[in-house]
Protein backbone atom coordinates (compact mmCIF):
# COMPACT_ATOMS: atom_id res chain seq x y z
CA UNK A 1 30.56 -17.86 32.61
CA UNK A 2 28.54 -17.53 29.38
CA UNK A 3 24.84 -18.35 29.62
CA UNK A 4 23.58 -20.62 26.85
CA UNK A 5 19.91 -20.25 25.99
CA UNK A 6 17.60 -23.26 26.04
CA UNK A 7 17.20 -24.78 22.58
CA UNK A 8 14.48 -23.04 20.59
CA UNK A 9 13.93 -20.23 23.08
CA UNK A 10 14.01 -16.74 21.56
CA UNK A 11 12.72 -14.58 24.42
CA UNK A 12 11.26 -14.75 27.90
CA UNK A 13 8.46 -12.39 28.90
CA UNK A 14 7.44 -12.58 32.54
CA UNK A 15 6.27 -16.22 32.85
CA UNK A 16 5.76 -16.77 29.11
CA UNK A 17 8.23 -17.86 26.43
CA UNK A 18 8.59 -16.98 22.77
CA UNK A 19 10.14 -19.72 20.67
CA UNK A 20 12.00 -19.61 17.39
CA UNK A 21 9.24 -21.83 16.01
CA UNK A 22 6.71 -19.07 16.68
CA UNK A 23 8.96 -16.59 14.88
CA UNK A 24 9.29 -19.00 11.98
CA UNK A 25 5.51 -19.39 11.78
CA UNK A 26 5.11 -15.62 11.70
CA UNK A 27 7.76 -14.97 9.05
CA UNK A 28 7.82 -18.08 6.85
CA UNK A 29 5.83 -16.66 3.92
CA UNK A 30 7.66 -13.32 4.02
CA UNK A 31 11.07 -14.99 4.09
CA UNK A 32 10.12 -17.11 1.11
CA UNK A 33 9.27 -13.92 -0.77
CA UNK A 34 12.53 -12.27 0.30
CA UNK A 35 14.54 -15.25 -0.93
CA UNK A 36 12.98 -14.86 -4.36
CA UNK A 37 13.52 -11.12 -4.41
CA UNK A 38 17.13 -11.14 -3.18
CA UNK A 39 18.33 -14.55 -4.38
CA UNK A 40 21.38 -12.96 -6.02
CA UNK A 41 22.16 -10.68 -3.07
CA UNK A 42 22.98 -12.95 -0.11
CA UNK A 43 24.21 -10.14 2.14
CA UNK A 44 21.11 -8.06 1.57
CA UNK A 45 18.94 -11.15 2.04
CA UNK A 46 20.51 -11.89 5.43
CA UNK A 47 20.01 -8.29 6.52
CA UNK A 48 16.36 -8.32 5.46
CA UNK A 49 15.66 -11.68 7.11
CA UNK A 50 17.35 -10.61 10.35
CA UNK A 51 15.30 -7.42 10.44
CA UNK A 52 12.10 -9.33 9.70
CA UNK A 53 12.75 -11.80 12.50
CA UNK A 54 13.66 -9.04 14.96
CA UNK A 55 10.43 -7.23 14.07
CA UNK A 56 8.51 -10.46 14.57
CA UNK A 57 9.96 -10.93 18.07
CA UNK A 58 9.15 -7.32 18.93
CA UNK A 59 5.61 -7.76 17.63
CA UNK A 60 5.02 -10.94 19.61
CA UNK A 61 6.33 -9.30 22.76
CA UNK A 62 4.08 -6.27 22.32
CA UNK A 63 1.11 -8.55 21.69
CA UNK A 64 1.73 -10.51 24.89
CA UNK A 65 2.42 -7.40 26.93
CA UNK A 66 -1.02 -6.12 25.98
CA UNK A 67 -2.68 -9.44 26.81
CA UNK A 68 -0.89 -9.53 30.18
CA UNK A 69 -2.03 -5.99 30.95
CA UNK A 70 -5.63 -6.95 30.13
CA UNK A 71 -5.41 -9.94 32.45
CA UNK A 72 -3.63 -8.20 35.33
CA UNK A 73 -6.11 -5.30 35.24
CA UNK A 74 -8.93 -7.78 35.78
CA UNK A 75 -10.78 -6.90 32.59
CA UNK A 76 -13.23 -9.37 31.07
CA UNK A 77 -14.14 -10.06 27.46
CA UNK A 78 -17.78 -10.64 26.61
CA UNK A 79 -17.73 -13.97 24.81
CA UNK A 80 -20.82 -13.08 22.78
CA UNK A 81 -18.64 -10.59 20.87
CA UNK A 82 -16.37 -13.44 19.85
CA UNK A 83 -19.33 -15.59 18.83
CA UNK A 84 -20.69 -12.81 16.62
CA UNK A 85 -17.29 -12.18 15.02
CA UNK A 86 -16.85 -15.87 14.24
CA UNK A 87 -20.29 -15.92 12.63
CA UNK A 88 -19.38 -12.86 10.56
CA UNK A 89 -16.11 -14.40 9.36
CA UNK A 90 -17.82 -17.66 8.51
CA UNK A 91 -20.36 -15.72 6.46
CA UNK A 92 -17.89 -13.36 4.74
CA UNK A 93 -14.85 -15.61 4.23
CA UNK A 94 -15.99 -19.21 4.22
CA UNK A 95 -19.69 -19.42 3.49
CA UNK A 96 -20.41 -22.06 6.10
CA UNK A 97 -18.86 -23.66 9.18
CA UNK A 98 -17.79 -26.84 7.38
CA UNK A 99 -15.68 -24.89 4.89
CA UNK A 100 -14.14 -22.89 7.72
CA UNK A 101 -13.13 -26.04 9.60
CA UNK A 102 -11.64 -27.51 6.45
CA UNK A 103 -9.67 -24.32 5.80
CA UNK A 104 -8.38 -24.23 9.38
CA UNK A 105 -7.31 -27.88 9.18
CA UNK A 106 -5.31 -27.14 6.01
CA UNK A 107 -3.43 -24.51 8.03
CA UNK A 108 -2.86 -26.89 10.94
CA UNK A 109 -5.16 -24.86 13.21
CA UNK A 110 -7.93 -26.09 15.46
CA UNK A 111 -11.22 -24.26 15.92
CA UNK A 112 -10.31 -23.51 19.55
CA UNK A 113 -7.03 -21.92 18.44
CA UNK A 114 -8.92 -19.88 15.83
CA UNK A 115 -11.37 -18.68 18.46
CA UNK A 116 -8.53 -17.75 20.81
CA UNK A 117 -6.81 -15.77 18.04
CA UNK A 118 -9.99 -13.76 17.46
CA UNK A 119 -10.39 -13.24 21.19
CA UNK A 120 -6.85 -11.88 21.44
CA UNK A 121 -7.45 -9.58 18.47
CA UNK A 122 -10.49 -8.14 20.27
CA UNK A 123 -8.50 -7.67 23.47
CA UNK A 124 -5.69 -5.83 21.67
CA UNK A 125 -8.15 -3.55 19.88
CA UNK A 126 -10.00 -2.74 23.08
CA UNK A 127 -6.79 -2.07 25.01
CA UNK A 128 -5.51 0.19 22.23
CA UNK A 129 -8.81 2.06 22.28
CA UNK A 130 -8.55 2.50 26.05
CA UNK A 131 -4.91 3.62 26.08
CA UNK A 132 -4.61 5.50 22.79
CA UNK A 133 -8.17 6.52 22.01
CA UNK A 134 -10.26 6.20 18.88
CA UNK A 135 -9.91 9.79 17.69
CA UNK A 136 -6.78 11.91 17.45
CA UNK A 137 -7.37 15.66 17.18
CA UNK A 138 -4.93 17.50 14.95
CA UNK A 139 -4.97 21.27 15.28
CA UNK A 140 -5.08 23.54 12.20
CA UNK A 141 -1.77 25.05 13.36
CA UNK A 142 -0.03 21.66 13.21
CA UNK A 143 -1.40 21.05 9.73
CA UNK A 144 -0.23 24.46 8.52
CA UNK A 145 3.21 23.97 10.11
CA UNK A 146 3.61 20.55 8.49
CA UNK A 147 2.59 22.00 5.12
CA UNK A 148 5.18 24.77 5.41
CA UNK A 149 7.94 22.37 6.43
CA UNK A 150 7.16 19.75 3.75
CA UNK A 151 6.31 21.92 0.77
CA UNK A 152 8.56 19.85 -1.50
CA UNK A 153 6.32 16.84 -0.85
CA UNK A 154 3.43 18.67 -2.50
CA UNK A 155 5.32 20.09 -5.46
CA UNK A 156 4.11 19.22 -8.94
CA UNK A 157 6.22 19.57 -12.07
CA UNK A 158 4.94 21.02 -15.34
CA UNK A 159 1.75 19.22 -16.38
CA UNK A 160 -0.40 18.94 -19.46
CA UNK A 161 -3.99 17.82 -19.83
CA UNK A 162 -3.66 15.36 -22.68
CA UNK A 163 -5.67 13.23 -25.05
CA UNK A 164 -3.95 10.62 -27.20
CA UNK A 165 -4.84 8.30 -30.05
CA UNK A 166 -2.58 5.29 -30.52
CA UNK A 167 -2.78 3.20 -33.67
CA UNK A 168 -0.80 -0.01 -33.25
CA UNK A 169 0.87 -1.83 -36.12
CA UNK A 170 -0.91 -5.18 -36.37
CA UNK A 171 -0.57 -8.33 -38.47
CA UNK A 172 -3.76 -7.36 -40.29
CA UNK A 173 -2.64 -3.71 -40.64
CA UNK A 174 0.96 -2.99 -41.61
CA UNK A 175 2.85 0.23 -40.95
CA UNK A 176 1.77 1.82 -44.22
CA UNK A 177 -1.90 1.10 -43.55
CA UNK A 178 -1.51 2.47 -40.00
CA UNK A 179 -0.01 5.72 -41.34
CA UNK A 180 -2.82 6.00 -43.85
CA UNK A 181 -5.46 5.54 -41.13
CA UNK A 182 -3.75 8.16 -38.96
CA UNK A 183 -3.91 10.61 -41.87
CA UNK A 184 -7.59 9.89 -42.38
CA UNK A 185 -8.29 10.53 -38.69
CA UNK A 186 -6.47 13.87 -38.84
CA UNK A 187 -8.60 14.75 -41.86
CA UNK A 188 -11.77 14.01 -39.90
CA UNK A 189 -10.56 16.05 -36.94
CA UNK A 190 -9.73 19.00 -39.21
CA UNK A 191 -13.19 18.60 -40.67
CA UNK A 192 -14.73 19.13 -37.24
CA UNK A 193 -14.84 15.65 -35.69
CA UNK A 194 -14.08 15.79 -31.92
CA UNK A 195 -10.69 14.33 -30.99
CA UNK A 196 -12.29 12.41 -28.11
CA UNK A 197 -14.79 10.83 -30.46
CA UNK A 198 -12.04 9.72 -32.83
CA UNK A 199 -10.07 8.28 -29.92
CA UNK A 200 -13.07 6.29 -28.72
CA UNK A 201 -13.63 4.99 -32.24
CA UNK A 202 -10.12 4.22 -33.48
CA UNK A 203 -7.52 4.22 -30.68
CA UNK A 204 -5.77 1.03 -29.58
CA UNK A 205 -4.55 2.74 -26.42
CA UNK A 206 -5.52 1.93 -22.85
CA UNK A 207 -7.48 5.21 -22.55
CA UNK A 208 -9.76 4.47 -25.50
CA UNK A 209 -12.89 4.18 -23.37
CA UNK A 210 -12.16 7.66 -21.97
CA UNK A 211 -11.83 9.28 -25.35
CA UNK A 212 -8.03 9.04 -25.13
CA UNK A 213 -7.98 11.22 -22.02
CA UNK A 214 -4.93 11.05 -19.75
CA UNK A 215 -6.08 14.03 -17.67
CA UNK A 216 -3.27 15.98 -15.95
CA UNK A 217 0.11 14.28 -16.25
CA UNK A 218 3.74 15.12 -15.56
CA UNK A 219 6.44 14.58 -18.15
CA UNK A 220 7.77 11.49 -16.38
CA UNK A 221 4.49 9.65 -16.89
CA UNK A 222 4.97 9.41 -20.65
CA UNK A 223 7.62 7.63 -22.66
CA UNK A 224 10.46 10.08 -23.17
CA UNK A 225 10.04 10.42 -26.96
CA UNK A 226 6.32 11.06 -26.60
CA UNK A 227 6.75 13.42 -23.65
CA UNK A 228 9.01 15.68 -25.73
CA UNK A 229 6.21 16.16 -28.24
CA UNK A 230 3.40 16.52 -25.70
CA UNK A 231 5.22 19.17 -23.66
CA UNK A 232 6.16 21.16 -26.74
CA UNK A 233 2.50 21.75 -27.60
CA UNK A 234 0.48 24.69 -26.33
CA UNK A 235 -3.08 24.39 -24.97
CA UNK A 236 -5.43 23.63 -27.84
CA UNK A 237 -2.65 22.41 -30.14
CA UNK A 238 -2.63 18.99 -31.76
CA UNK A 239 0.35 17.05 -33.01
CA UNK A 240 0.71 15.61 -36.45
CA UNK A 241 1.20 11.91 -37.01
CA UNK A 242 3.99 10.70 -34.71
CA UNK A 243 5.48 7.56 -36.22
CA UNK A 244 7.15 5.13 -33.84
CA UNK A 245 8.27 1.49 -34.17
CA UNK A 246 5.13 0.27 -32.41
CA UNK A 247 2.66 2.38 -34.39
CA UNK A 248 1.39 5.94 -34.82
CA UNK A 249 0.37 8.50 -32.22
CA UNK A 250 -1.80 11.60 -32.32
CA UNK A 251 -1.89 14.00 -29.38
CA UNK A 252 -4.07 16.89 -28.30
CA UNK A 253 -3.04 19.12 -25.40
CA UNK A 254 -6.20 20.58 -23.91
CA UNK A 255 -4.50 22.63 -21.21
CA UNK A 256 -1.20 23.07 -19.38
CA UNK A 257 0.00 24.38 -16.05
CA UNK A 258 3.50 25.20 -14.82
CA UNK A 259 5.25 23.58 -11.87
CA UNK A 260 3.58 24.56 -8.63
CA UNK A 261 2.97 23.51 -5.05
CA UNK A 262 -0.48 22.11 -4.34
CA UNK A 263 -2.45 24.60 -2.25
CA UNK A 264 -3.10 23.73 1.37
CA UNK A 265 -6.82 23.22 0.84
CA UNK A 266 -6.07 20.37 -1.60
CA UNK A 267 -3.78 18.49 0.77
CA UNK A 268 -5.22 19.38 4.19
CA UNK A 269 -7.00 16.02 4.60
CA UNK A 270 -3.87 14.13 3.51
CA UNK A 271 -1.70 16.01 6.01
CA UNK A 272 -4.25 15.52 8.79
CA UNK A 273 -4.25 11.77 8.20
CA UNK A 274 -0.43 11.68 8.22
CA UNK A 275 -0.27 13.59 11.50
CA UNK A 276 -2.98 11.40 13.04
CA UNK A 277 -0.98 8.31 12.12
CA UNK A 278 2.24 9.78 13.54
CA UNK A 279 0.53 10.77 16.79
CA UNK A 280 -1.15 7.39 17.17
CA UNK A 281 2.22 5.69 16.60
CA UNK A 282 3.86 7.94 19.21
CA UNK A 283 1.16 7.29 21.81
CA UNK A 284 1.28 3.56 21.18
CA UNK A 285 5.07 3.50 21.55
CA UNK A 286 4.88 5.35 24.87
CA UNK A 287 2.21 2.94 26.10
CA UNK A 288 4.25 -0.14 25.13
CA UNK A 289 7.33 1.33 26.80
CA UNK A 290 5.34 1.73 30.02
CA UNK A 291 4.27 -1.91 29.81
CA UNK A 292 7.86 -3.01 29.20
CA UNK A 293 9.08 -1.01 32.18
CA UNK A 294 7.01 -3.08 34.58
CA UNK A 295 7.72 -6.43 32.91
CA UNK A 296 10.62 -8.87 32.85
CA UNK A 297 11.94 -9.38 29.31
CA UNK A 298 14.98 -11.37 28.28
CA UNK A 299 16.19 -12.15 24.77
CA UNK A 300 18.27 -15.19 23.86
CA UNK A 301 20.72 -15.44 20.95
CA UNK A 302 20.30 -18.08 18.29
CA UNK A 303 23.55 -19.74 19.34
């Protein structure tokens, strides 16, 4: 005999229920975004929505498992913490209590529900701190091993340190006038004017305020036709006038460096953060699995 789930019931956790309405509330905005993004790919859209809803159910279950553990362990929350957090949010997000109440009402939320949400957030944070810890220690050996095993992640292609002047064709300055101005700028540079100064004075490019500086860049950063010129120049070399449909370009390569792997000292902090995140995720998963093992959980199909 096939069991048919009660209407609207998505999951049962101990004595609590999770409804499809709760899932909808959690995912509504994200689903709206997915529908826009995948409106011409119905199969992909369904897959994304299903995954989103499954993740929402899992998240709600984890949240309630943690709250149940807090309650069953007999822990207490100091309500003054909640009061102070509400005051902080009123100050930082709303300005005053009246605006906060009005904002909550527009979301269909009461003040008591808002307070309870904050309380639960505090409980989850405190329980995570207790069961996972606030600081994860990553040994130098683990960092060095990760670096050796993921060297491709830290590989850089050929790079140039570049400055560029872009002179755009404009209604008030046609292509001929733009070419003439580019020639005049080259004349000033050959006469001793700093390239950076000319870029700050004349360039229409986005890096004008930086003297046309792009700093170190890989070939893929530039438009293909411009990259070919930039990466053909040697350190200290300047291009001539590069005429393109959108205007004229002048380039100066200040330095270059071949493809290489970033040294460990440059990426040590990045690797440490990655390993900390992975370890925290692993510890949290083990903790949640322990909570699940001593709880009753049942999922119900949509139909």
